[in-house]
Amino acid sequence: GCQAAILVPGEESLFEFYRKRGYRVC
């Protein structure tokens, strides 16, 4: 029943890493 998974990229390059895995800036 979880509605969202949230994370904080540890560095700038990881934003793209997580974007490719379905995450978007929120």
mmCIF file of all heavy atoms, coordinates in Angstrom:
data_MODEL
# 
_entry.id   MODEL 
# 
loop_
_atom_site.group_PDB 
_atom_site.id 
_atom_site.type_symbol 
_atom_site.label_atom_id 
_atom_site.label_alt_id 
_atom_site.label_comp_id 
_atom_site.label_asym_id 
_atom_site.label_entity_id 
_atom_site.label_seq_id 
_atom_site.pdbx_PDB_ins_code 
_atom_site.Cartn_x 
_atom_site.Cartn_y 
_atom_site.Cartn_z 
_atom_site.occupancy 
_atom_site.B_iso_or_equiv 
_atom_site.pdbx_formal_charge 
_atom_site.auth_seq_id 
_atom_site.auth_comp_id 
_atom_site.auth_asym_id 
_atom_site.auth_atom_id 
_atom_site.pdbx_PDB_model_num 
ATOM 1   N N   . GLY A 1 1  ? 0.774  -1.237 0.000   1.00 0.00 ? 1  GLY A N   1 
ATOM 2   C CA  . GLY A 1 1  ? 0.000  0.000  0.000   1.00 0.00 ? 1  GLY A CA  1 
ATOM 3   C C   . GLY A 1 1  ? 0.800  1.279  0.000   1.00 0.00 ? 1  GLY A C   1 
ATOM 4   O O   . GLY A 1 1  ? 0.224  2.367  0.139   1.00 0.00 ? 1  GLY A O   1 
ATOM 5   N N   . CYS A 1 2  ? 2.105  1.183  -0.151  1.00 0.00 ? 2  CYS A N   1 
ATOM 6   C CA  . CYS A 1 2  ? 2.937  2.387  -0.209  1.00 0.00 ? 2  CYS A CA  1 
ATOM 7   C C   . CYS A 1 2  ? 2.588  3.202  -1.458  1.00 0.00 ? 2  CYS A C   1 
ATOM 8   O O   . CYS A 1 2  ? 2.457  2.656  -2.558  1.00 0.00 ? 2  CYS A O   1 
ATOM 9   C CB  . CYS A 1 2  ? 4.406  1.988  -0.219  1.00 0.00 ? 2  CYS A CB  1 
ATOM 10  S SG  . CYS A 1 2  ? 5.551  3.362  -0.437  1.00 0.00 ? 2  CYS A SG  1 
ATOM 11  N N   . GLN A 1 3  ? 2.462  4.509  -1.302  1.00 0.00 ? 3  GLN A N   1 
ATOM 12  C CA  . GLN A 1 3  ? 2.082  5.376  -2.416  1.00 0.00 ? 3  GLN A CA  1 
ATOM 13  C C   . GLN A 1 3  ? 3.262  6.028  -3.125  1.00 0.00 ? 3  GLN A C   1 
ATOM 14  O O   . GLN A 1 3  ? 3.129  6.516  -4.243  1.00 0.00 ? 3  GLN A O   1 
ATOM 15  C CB  . GLN A 1 3  ? 1.137  6.471  -1.924  1.00 0.00 ? 3  GLN A CB  1 
ATOM 16  C CG  . GLN A 1 3  ? -0.213 5.943  -1.490  1.00 0.00 ? 3  GLN A CG  1 
ATOM 17  C CD  . GLN A 1 3  ? -0.953 5.283  -2.642  1.00 0.00 ? 3  GLN A CD  1 
ATOM 18  O OE1 . GLN A 1 3  ? -1.170 5.887  -3.682  1.00 0.00 ? 3  GLN A OE1 1 
ATOM 19  N NE2 . GLN A 1 3  ? -1.321 4.024  -2.461  1.00 0.00 ? 3  GLN A NE2 1 
ATOM 20  N N   . ALA A 1 4  ? 4.423  6.052  -2.477  1.00 0.00 ? 4  ALA A N   1 
ATOM 21  C CA  . ALA A 1 4  ? 5.600  6.655  -3.115  1.00 0.00 ? 4  ALA A CA  1 
ATOM 22  C C   . ALA A 1 4  ? 6.859  6.219  -2.389  1.00 0.00 ? 4  ALA A C   1 
ATOM 23  O O   . ALA A 1 4  ? 6.844  5.952  -1.187  1.00 0.00 ? 4  ALA A O   1 
ATOM 24  C CB  . ALA A 1 4  ? 5.510  8.182  -3.114  1.00 0.00 ? 4  ALA A CB  1 
ATOM 25  N N   . ALA A 1 5  ? 7.947  6.139  -3.145  1.00 0.00 ? 5  ALA A N   1 
ATOM 26  C CA  . ALA A 1 5  ? 9.285  5.938  -2.586  1.00 0.00 ? 5  ALA A CA  1 
ATOM 27  C C   . ALA A 1 5  ? 10.067 7.219  -2.842  1.00 0.00 ? 5  ALA A C   1 
ATOM 28  O O   . ALA A 1 5  ? 10.099 7.713  -3.975  1.00 0.00 ? 5  ALA A O   1 
ATOM 29  C CB  . ALA A 1 5  ? 9.969  4.751  -3.237  1.00 0.00 ? 5  ALA A CB  1 
ATOM 30  N N   . ILE A 1 6  ? 10.671 7.755  -1.809  1.00 0.00 ? 6  ILE A N   1 
ATOM 31  C CA  . ILE A 1 6  ? 11.367 9.044  -1.882  1.00 0.00 ? 6  ILE A CA  1 
ATOM 32  C C   . ILE A 1 6  ? 12.831 8.827  -1.546  1.00 0.00 ? 6  ILE A C   1 
ATOM 33  O O   . ILE A 1 6  ? 13.167 8.013  -0.679  1.00 0.00 ? 6  ILE A O   1 
ATOM 34  C CB  . ILE A 1 6  ? 10.736 10.043 -0.896  1.00 0.00 ? 6  ILE A CB  1 
ATOM 35  C CG1 . ILE A 1 6  ? 9.225  10.167 -1.149  1.00 0.00 ? 6  ILE A CG1 1 
ATOM 36  C CG2 . ILE A 1 6  ? 11.400 11.410 -1.000  1.00 0.00 ? 6  ILE A CG2 1 
ATOM 37  C CD1 . ILE A 1 6  ? 8.452  10.717 0.020   1.00 0.00 ? 6  ILE A CD1 1 
ATOM 38  N N   . LEU A 1 7  ? 13.706 9.544  -2.228  1.00 0.00 ? 7  LEU A N   1 
ATOM 39  C CA  . LEU A 1 7  ? 15.139 9.459  -1.941  1.00 0.00 ? 7  LEU A CA  1 
ATOM 40  C C   . LEU A 1 7  ? 15.802 10.796 -2.229  1.00 0.00 ? 7  LEU A C   1 
ATOM 41  O O   . LEU A 1 7  ? 15.236 11.662 -2.910  1.00 0.00 ? 7  LEU A O   1 
ATOM 42  C CB  . LEU A 1 7  ? 15.794 8.337  -2.748  1.00 0.00 ? 7  LEU A CB  1 
ATOM 43  C CG  . LEU A 1 7  ? 15.599 8.303  -4.266  1.00 0.00 ? 7  LEU A CG  1 
ATOM 44  C CD1 . LEU A 1 7  ? 16.544 9.265  -4.984  1.00 0.00 ? 7  LEU A CD1 1 
ATOM 45  C CD2 . LEU A 1 7  ? 15.787 6.898  -4.806  1.00 0.00 ? 7  LEU A CD2 1 
ATOM 46  N N   . VAL A 1 8  ? 16.999 10.969 -1.697  1.00 0.00 ? 8  VAL A N   1 
ATOM 47  C CA  . VAL A 1 8  ? 17.797 12.176 -1.917  1.00 0.00 ? 8  VAL A CA  1 
ATOM 48  C C   . VAL A 1 8  ? 19.118 11.764 -2.538  1.00 0.00 ? 8  VAL A C   1 
ATOM 49  O O   . VAL A 1 8  ? 19.943 11.120 -1.868  1.00 0.00 ? 8  VAL A O   1 
ATOM 50  C CB  . VAL A 1 8  ? 18.050 12.937 -0.602  1.00 0.00 ? 8  VAL A CB  1 
ATOM 51  C CG1 . VAL A 1 8  ? 19.000 14.111 -0.833  1.00 0.00 ? 8  VAL A CG1 1 
ATOM 52  C CG2 . VAL A 1 8  ? 16.736 13.435 -0.015  1.00 0.00 ? 8  VAL A CG2 1 
ATOM 53  N N   . PRO A 1 9  ? 19.350 12.066 -3.819  1.00 0.00 ? 9  PRO A N   1 
ATOM 54  C CA  . PRO A 1 9  ? 20.634 11.712 -4.442  1.00 0.00 ? 9  PRO A CA  1 
ATOM 55  C C   . PRO A 1 9  ? 21.799 12.358 -3.702  1.00 0.00 ? 9  PRO A C   1 
ATOM 56  O O   . PRO A 1 9  ? 21.761 13.544 -3.356  1.00 0.00 ? 9  PRO A O   1 
ATOM 57  C CB  . PRO A 1 9  ? 20.496 12.266 -5.866  1.00 0.00 ? 9  PRO A CB  1 
ATOM 58  C CG  . PRO A 1 9  ? 19.015 12.321 -6.109  1.00 0.00 ? 9  PRO A CG  1 
ATOM 59  C CD  . PRO A 1 9  ? 18.425 12.686 -4.784  1.00 0.00 ? 9  PRO A CD  1 
ATOM 60  N N   . GLY A 1 10 ? 22.842 11.565 -3.452  1.00 0.00 ? 10 GLY A N   1 
ATOM 61  C CA  . GLY A 1 10 ? 23.975 12.057 -2.682  1.00 0.00 ? 10 GLY A CA  1 
ATOM 62  C C   . GLY A 1 10 ? 24.878 13.008 -3.434  1.00 0.00 ? 10 GLY A C   1 
ATOM 63  O O   . GLY A 1 10 ? 25.671 13.725 -2.826  1.00 0.00 ? 10 GLY A O   1 
ATOM 64  N N   . GLU A 1 11 ? 24.765 13.023 -4.759  1.00 0.00 ? 11 GLU A N   1 
ATOM 65  C CA  . GLU A 1 11 ? 25.550 13.943 -5.570  1.00 0.00 ? 11 GLU A CA  1 
ATOM 66  C C   . GLU A 1 11 ? 24.806 14.206 -6.875  1.00 0.00 ? 11 GLU A C   1 
ATOM 67  O O   . GLU A 1 11 ? 23.862 13.488 -7.231  1.00 0.00 ? 11 GLU A O   1 
ATOM 68  C CB  . GLU A 1 11 ? 26.941 13.384 -5.842  1.00 0.00 ? 11 GLU A CB  1 
ATOM 69  C CG  . GLU A 1 11 ? 26.944 12.012 -6.466  1.00 0.00 ? 11 GLU A CG  1 
ATOM 70  C CD  . GLU A 1 11 ? 28.335 11.418 -6.532  1.00 0.00 ? 11 GLU A CD  1 
ATOM 71  O OE1 . GLU A 1 11 ? 28.992 11.294 -5.472  1.00 0.00 ? 11 GLU A OE1 1 
ATOM 72  O OE2 . GLU A 1 11 ? 28.765 11.077 -7.648  1.00 0.00 ? 11 GLU A OE2 1 
ATOM 73  N N   . GLU A 1 12 ? 25.240 15.228 -7.594  1.00 0.00 ? 12 GLU A N   1 
ATOM 74  C CA  . GLU A 1 12 ? 24.519 15.686 -8.788  1.00 0.00 ? 12 GLU A CA  1 
ATOM 75  C C   . GLU A 1 12 ? 24.350 14.585 -9.820  1.00 0.00 ? 12 GLU A C   1 
ATOM 76  O O   . GLU A 1 12 ? 23.274 14.436 -10.426 1.00 0.00 ? 12 GLU A O   1 
ATOM 77  C CB  . GLU A 1 12 ? 25.264 16.871 -9.400  1.00 0.00 ? 12 GLU A CB  1 
ATOM 78  C CG  . GLU A 1 12 ? 24.497 17.598 -10.504 1.00 0.00 ? 12 GLU A CG  1 
ATOM 79  C CD  . GLU A 1 12 ? 23.292 18.356 -9.985  1.00 0.00 ? 12 GLU A CD  1 
ATOM 80  O OE1 . GLU A 1 12 ? 23.300 18.785 -8.811  1.00 0.00 ? 12 GLU A OE1 1 
ATOM 81  O OE2 . GLU A 1 12 ? 22.325 18.504 -10.759 1.00 0.00 ? 12 GLU A OE2 1 
ATOM 82  N N   . SER A 1 13 ? 25.388 13.779 -10.050 1.00 0.00 ? 13 SER A N   1 
ATOM 83  C CA  . SER A 1 13 ? 25.329 12.759 -11.096 1.00 0.00 ? 13 SER A CA  1 
ATOM 84  C C   . SER A 1 13 ? 24.268 11.698 -10.818 1.00 0.00 ? 13 SER A C   1 
ATOM 85  O O   . SER A 1 13 ? 23.769 11.040 -11.740 1.00 0.00 ? 13 SER A O   1 
ATOM 86  C CB  . SER A 1 13 ? 26.693 12.085 -11.245 1.00 0.00 ? 13 SER A CB  1 
ATOM 87  O OG  . SER A 1 13 ? 27.041 11.389 -10.048 1.00 0.00 ? 13 SER A OG  1 
ATOM 88  N N   . LEU A 1 14 ? 23.894 11.515 -9.557  1.00 0.00 ? 14 LEU A N   1 
ATOM 89  C CA  . LEU A 1 14 ? 22.945 10.468 -9.210  1.00 0.00 ? 14 LEU A CA  1 
ATOM 90  C C   . LEU A 1 14 ? 21.502 10.823 -9.571  1.00 0.00 ? 14 LEU A C   1 
ATOM 91  O O   . LEU A 1 14 ? 20.636 9.939  -9.614  1.00 0.00 ? 14 LEU A O   1 
ATOM 92  C CB  . LEU A 1 14 ? 23.050 10.141 -7.725  1.00 0.00 ? 14 LEU A CB  1 
ATOM 93  C CG  . LEU A 1 14 ? 24.348 9.420  -7.320  1.00 0.00 ? 14 LEU A CG  1 
ATOM 94  C CD1 . LEU A 1 14 ? 24.391 9.222  -5.807  1.00 0.00 ? 14 LEU A CD1 1 
ATOM 95  C CD2 . LEU A 1 14 ? 24.466 8.075  -8.028  1.00 0.00 ? 14 LEU A CD2 1 
ATOM 96  N N   . PHE A 1 15 ? 21.229 12.096 -9.833  1.00 0.00 ? 15 PHE A N   1 
ATOM 97  C CA  . PHE A 1 15 ? 19.884 12.454 -10.290 1.00 0.00 ? 15 PHE A CA  1 
ATOM 98  C C   . PHE A 1 15 ? 19.558 11.711 -11.584 1.00 0.00 ? 15 PHE A C   1 
ATOM 99  O O   . PHE A 1 15 ? 18.457 11.203 -11.762 1.00 0.00 ? 15 PHE A O   1 
ATOM 100 C CB  . PHE A 1 15 ? 19.760 13.966 -10.486 1.00 0.00 ? 15 PHE A CB  1 
ATOM 101 C CG  . PHE A 1 15 ? 19.506 14.724 -9.215  1.00 0.00 ? 15 PHE A CG  1 
ATOM 102 C CD1 . PHE A 1 15 ? 20.561 15.188 -8.441  1.00 0.00 ? 15 PHE A CD1 1 
ATOM 103 C CD2 . PHE A 1 15 ? 18.209 14.982 -8.790  1.00 0.00 ? 15 PHE A CD2 1 
ATOM 104 C CE1 . PHE A 1 15 ? 20.331 15.889 -7.262  1.00 0.00 ? 15 PHE A CE1 1 
ATOM 105 C CE2 . PHE A 1 15 ? 17.963 15.680 -7.614  1.00 0.00 ? 15 PHE A CE2 1 
ATOM 106 C CZ  . PHE A 1 15 ? 19.033 16.130 -6.850  1.00 0.00 ? 15 PHE A CZ  1 
ATOM 107 N N   . GLU A 1 16 ? 20.501 11.649 -12.503 1.00 0.00 ? 16 GLU A N   1 
ATOM 108 C CA  . GLU A 1 16 ? 20.282 10.945 -13.755 1.00 0.00 ? 16 GLU A CA  1 
ATOM 109 C C   . GLU A 1 16 ? 20.198 9.440  -13.531 1.00 0.00 ? 16 GLU A C   1 
ATOM 110 O O   . GLU A 1 16 ? 19.387 8.745  -14.167 1.00 0.00 ? 16 GLU A O   1 
ATOM 111 C CB  . GLU A 1 16 ? 21.404 11.264 -14.741 1.00 0.00 ? 16 GLU A CB  1 
ATOM 112 C CG  . GLU A 1 16 ? 21.278 10.590 -16.099 1.00 0.00 ? 16 GLU A CG  1 
ATOM 113 C CD  . GLU A 1 16 ? 20.031 11.004 -16.865 1.00 0.00 ? 16 GLU A CD  1 
ATOM 114 O OE1 . GLU A 1 16 ? 19.401 12.020 -16.500 1.00 0.00 ? 16 GLU A OE1 1 
ATOM 115 O OE2 . GLU A 1 16 ? 19.685 10.302 -17.839 1.00 0.00 ? 16 GLU A OE2 1 
ATOM 116 N N   . PHE A 1 17 ? 21.010 8.911  -12.636 1.00 0.00 ? 17 PHE A N   1 
ATOM 117 C CA  . PHE A 1 17 ? 20.974 7.482  -12.313 1.00 0.00 ? 17 PHE A CA  1 
ATOM 118 C C   . PHE A 1 17 ? 19.572 7.082  -11.857 1.00 0.00 ? 17 PHE A C   1 
ATOM 119 O O   . PHE A 1 17 ? 19.002 6.085  -12.339 1.00 0.00 ? 17 PHE A O   1 
ATOM 120 C CB  . PHE A 1 17 ? 22.000 7.173  -11.226 1.00 0.00 ? 17 PHE A CB  1 
ATOM 121 C CG  . PHE A 1 17 ? 21.959 5.769  -10.694 1.00 0.00 ? 17 PHE A CG  1 
ATOM 122 C CD1 . PHE A 1 17 ? 22.645 4.744  -11.326 1.00 0.00 ? 17 PHE A CD1 1 
ATOM 123 C CD2 . PHE A 1 17 ? 21.217 5.461  -9.549  1.00 0.00 ? 17 PHE A CD2 1 
ATOM 124 C CE1 . PHE A 1 17 ? 22.603 3.440  -10.837 1.00 0.00 ? 17 PHE A CE1 1 
ATOM 125 C CE2 . PHE A 1 17 ? 21.174 4.158  -9.050  1.00 0.00 ? 17 PHE A CE2 1 
ATOM 126 C CZ  . PHE A 1 17 ? 21.867 3.145  -9.705  1.00 0.00 ? 17 PHE A CZ  1 
ATOM 127 N N   . TYR A 1 18 ? 19.011 7.848  -10.947 1.00 0.00 ? 18 TYR A N   1 
ATOM 128 C CA  . TYR A 1 18 ? 17.688 7.502  -10.426 1.00 0.00 ? 18 TYR A CA  1 
ATOM 129 C C   . TYR A 1 18 ? 16.578 7.840  -11.421 1.00 0.00 ? 18 TYR A C   1 
ATOM 130 O O   . TYR A 1 18 ? 15.531 7.166  -11.432 1.00 0.00 ? 18 TYR A O   1 
ATOM 131 C CB  . TYR A 1 18 ? 17.455 8.200  -9.086  1.00 0.00 ? 18 TYR A CB  1 
ATOM 132 C CG  . TYR A 1 18 ? 18.276 7.600  -7.967  1.00 0.00 ? 18 TYR A CG  1 
ATOM 133 C CD1 . TYR A 1 18 ? 19.275 8.329  -7.319  1.00 0.00 ? 18 TYR A CD1 1 
ATOM 134 C CD2 . TYR A 1 18 ? 18.069 6.286  -7.555  1.00 0.00 ? 18 TYR A CD2 1 
ATOM 135 C CE1 . TYR A 1 18 ? 20.036 7.769  -6.306  1.00 0.00 ? 18 TYR A CE1 1 
ATOM 136 C CE2 . TYR A 1 18 ? 18.825 5.717  -6.540  1.00 0.00 ? 18 TYR A CE2 1 
ATOM 137 C CZ  . TYR A 1 18 ? 19.803 6.463  -5.910  1.00 0.00 ? 18 TYR A CZ  1 
ATOM 138 O OH  . TYR A 1 18 ? 20.566 5.899  -4.916  1.00 0.00 ? 18 TYR A OH  1 
ATOM 139 N N   . ARG A 1 19 ? 16.782 8.844  -12.249 1.00 0.00 ? 19 ARG A N   1 
ATOM 140 C CA  . ARG A 1 19 ? 15.774 9.156  -13.264 1.00 0.00 ? 19 ARG A CA  1 
ATOM 141 C C   . ARG A 1 19 ? 15.565 7.966  -14.188 1.00 0.00 ? 19 ARG A C   1 
ATOM 142 O O   . ARG A 1 19 ? 14.427 7.639  -14.563 1.00 0.00 ? 19 ARG A O   1 
ATOM 143 C CB  . ARG A 1 19 ? 16.193 10.388 -14.073 1.00 0.00 ? 19 ARG A CB  1 
ATOM 144 C CG  . ARG A 1 19 ? 15.109 10.898 -15.026 1.00 0.00 ? 19 ARG A CG  1 
ATOM 145 C CD  . ARG A 1 19 ? 15.663 11.908 -16.002 1.00 0.00 ? 19 ARG A CD  1 
ATOM 146 N NE  . ARG A 1 19 ? 16.612 11.284 -16.935 1.00 0.00 ? 19 ARG A NE  1 
ATOM 147 C CZ  . ARG A 1 19 ? 16.239 10.547 -17.992 1.00 0.00 ? 19 ARG A CZ  1 
ATOM 148 N NH1 . ARG A 1 19 ? 14.963 10.325 -18.259 1.00 0.00 ? 19 ARG A NH1 1 
ATOM 149 N NH2 . ARG A 1 19 ? 17.155 10.014 -18.777 1.00 0.00 ? 19 ARG A NH2 1 
ATOM 150 N N   . LYS A 1 20 ? 16.642 7.298  -14.547 1.00 0.00 ? 20 LYS A N   1 
ATOM 151 C CA  . LYS A 1 20 ? 16.550 6.128  -15.422 1.00 0.00 ? 20 LYS A CA  1 
ATOM 152 C C   . LYS A 1 20 ? 15.844 4.960  -14.739 1.00 0.00 ? 20 LYS A C   1 
ATOM 153 O O   . LYS A 1 20 ? 15.467 3.992  -15.413 1.00 0.00 ? 20 LYS A O   1 
ATOM 154 C CB  . LYS A 1 20 ? 17.948 5.705  -15.874 1.00 0.00 ? 20 LYS A CB  1 
ATOM 155 C CG  . LYS A 1 20 ? 18.628 6.710  -16.797 1.00 0.00 ? 20 LYS A CG  1 
ATOM 156 C CD  . LYS A 1 20 ? 20.022 6.246  -17.175 1.00 0.00 ? 20 LYS A CD  1 
ATOM 157 C CE  . LYS A 1 20 ? 20.681 7.217  -18.135 1.00 0.00 ? 20 LYS A CE  1 
ATOM 158 N NZ  . LYS A 1 20 ? 22.069 6.818  -18.484 1.00 0.00 ? 20 LYS A NZ  1 
ATOM 159 N N   . ARG A 1 21 ? 15.676 5.044  -13.444 1.00 0.00 ? 21 ARG A N   1 
ATOM 160 C CA  . ARG A 1 21 ? 15.028 3.966  -12.699 1.00 0.00 ? 21 ARG A CA  1 
ATOM 161 C C   . ARG A 1 21 ? 13.638 4.372  -12.205 1.00 0.00 ? 21 ARG A C   1 
ATOM 162 O O   . ARG A 1 21 ? 13.102 3.774  -11.274 1.00 0.00 ? 21 ARG A O   1 
ATOM 163 C CB  . ARG A 1 21 ? 15.936 3.528  -11.549 1.00 0.00 ? 21 ARG A CB  1 
ATOM 164 C CG  . ARG A 1 21 ? 17.137 2.725  -12.058 1.00 0.00 ? 21 ARG A CG  1 
ATOM 165 C CD  . ARG A 1 21 ? 18.374 2.866  -11.242 1.00 0.00 ? 21 ARG A CD  1 
ATOM 166 N NE  . ARG A 1 21 ? 19.478 2.121  -11.864 1.00 0.00 ? 21 ARG A NE  1 
ATOM 167 C CZ  . ARG A 1 21 ? 20.247 2.606  -12.858 1.00 0.00 ? 21 ARG A CZ  1 
ATOM 168 N NH1 . ARG A 1 21 ? 20.018 3.829  -13.334 1.00 0.00 ? 21 ARG A NH1 1 
ATOM 169 N NH2 . ARG A 1 21 ? 21.212 1.869  -13.380 1.00 0.00 ? 21 ARG A NH2 1 
ATOM 170 N N   . GLY A 1 22 ? 13.081 5.386  -12.857 1.00 0.00 ? 22 GLY A N   1 
ATOM 171 C CA  . GLY A 1 22 ? 11.683 5.741  -12.608 1.00 0.00 ? 22 GLY A CA  1 
ATOM 172 C C   . GLY A 1 22 ? 11.436 6.858  -11.626 1.00 0.00 ? 22 GLY A C   1 
ATOM 173 O O   . GLY A 1 22 ? 10.278 7.170  -11.327 1.00 0.00 ? 22 GLY A O   1 
ATOM 174 N N   . TYR A 1 23 ? 12.482 7.486  -11.125 1.00 0.00 ? 23 TYR A N   1 
ATOM 175 C CA  . TYR A 1 23 ? 12.324 8.556  -10.147 1.00 0.00 ? 23 TYR A CA  1 
ATOM 176 C C   . TYR A 1 23 ? 12.361 9.928  -10.826 1.00 0.00 ? 23 TYR A C   1 
ATOM 177 O O   . TYR A 1 23 ? 13.075 10.127 -11.816 1.00 0.00 ? 23 TYR A O   1 
ATOM 178 C CB  . TYR A 1 23 ? 13.413 8.472  -9.069  1.00 0.00 ? 23 TYR A CB  1 
ATOM 179 C CG  . TYR A 1 23 ? 13.238 7.271  -8.175  1.00 0.00 ? 23 TYR A CG  1 
ATOM 180 C CD1 . TYR A 1 23 ? 13.674 6.002  -8.579  1.00 0.00 ? 23 TYR A CD1 1 
ATOM 181 C CD2 . TYR A 1 23 ? 12.602 7.382  -6.946  1.00 0.00 ? 23 TYR A CD2 1 
ATOM 182 C CE1 . TYR A 1 23 ? 13.477 4.883  -7.772  1.00 0.00 ? 23 TYR A CE1 1 
ATOM 183 C CE2 . TYR A 1 23 ? 12.408 6.269  -6.133  1.00 0.00 ? 23 TYR A CE2 1 
ATOM 184 C CZ  . TYR A 1 23 ? 12.842 5.028  -6.558  1.00 0.00 ? 23 TYR A CZ  1 
ATOM 185 O OH  . TYR A 1 23 ? 12.645 3.926  -5.766  1.00 0.00 ? 23 TYR A OH  1 
ATOM 186 N N   . ARG A 1 24 ? 11.584 10.871 -10.279 1.00 0.00 ? 24 ARG A N   1 
ATOM 187 C CA  . ARG A 1 24 ? 11.523 12.228 -10.794 1.00 0.00 ? 24 ARG A CA  1 
ATOM 188 C C   . ARG A 1 24 ? 11.679 13.211 -9.634  1.00 0.00 ? 24 ARG A C   1 
ATOM 189 O O   . ARG A 1 24 ? 11.270 12.927 -8.511  1.00 0.00 ? 24 ARG A O   1 
ATOM 190 C CB  . ARG A 1 24 ? 10.187 12.482 -11.501 1.00 0.00 ? 24 ARG A CB  1 
ATOM 191 C CG  . ARG A 1 24 ? 9.930  11.572 -12.705 1.00 0.00 ? 24 ARG A CG  1 
ATOM 192 C CD  . ARG A 1 24 ? 10.888 11.898 -13.847 1.00 0.00 ? 24 ARG A CD  1 
ATOM 193 N NE  . ARG A 1 24 ? 10.636 11.066 -15.029 1.00 0.00 ? 24 ARG A NE  1 
ATOM 194 C CZ  . ARG A 1 24 ? 11.246 9.907  -15.278 1.00 0.00 ? 24 ARG A CZ  1 
ATOM 195 N NH1 . ARG A 1 24 ? 12.132 9.434  -14.414 1.00 0.00 ? 24 ARG A NH1 1 
ATOM 196 N NH2 . ARG A 1 24 ? 10.976 9.222  -16.362 1.00 0.00 ? 24 ARG A NH2 1 
ATOM 197 N N   . VAL A 1 25 ? 12.254 14.360 -9.923  1.00 0.00 ? 25 VAL A N   1 
ATOM 198 C CA  . VAL A 1 25 ? 12.405 15.377 -8.883  1.00 0.00 ? 25 VAL A CA  1 
ATOM 199 C C   . VAL A 1 25 ? 11.025 15.745 -8.342  1.00 0.00 ? 25 VAL A C   1 
ATOM 200 O O   . VAL A 1 25 ? 10.096 16.029 -9.108  1.00 0.00 ? 25 VAL A O   1 
ATOM 201 C CB  . VAL A 1 25 ? 13.122 16.625 -9.417  1.00 0.00 ? 25 VAL A CB  1 
ATOM 202 C CG1 . VAL A 1 25 ? 13.130 17.725 -8.355  1.00 0.00 ? 25 VAL A CG1 1 
ATOM 203 C CG2 . VAL A 1 25 ? 14.555 16.283 -9.823  1.00 0.00 ? 25 VAL A CG2 1 
ATOM 204 N N   . CYS A 1 26 ? 10.897 15.724 -7.032  1.00 0.00 ? 26 CYS A N   1 
ATOM 205 C CA  . CYS A 1 26 ? 9.603  16.037 -6.420  1.00 0.00 ? 26 CYS A CA  1 
ATOM 206 C C   . CYS A 1 26 ? 9.674  17.213 -5.465  1.00 0.00 ? 26 CYS A C   1 
ATOM 207 O O   . CYS A 1 26 ? 8.641  17.797 -5.110  1.00 0.00 ? 26 CYS A O   1 
ATOM 208 C CB  . CYS A 1 26 ? 9.057  14.809 -5.681  1.00 0.00 ? 26 CYS A CB  1 
ATOM 209 S SG  . CYS A 1 26 ? 10.009 14.323 -4.213  1.00 0.00 ? 26 CYS A SG  1 
# 
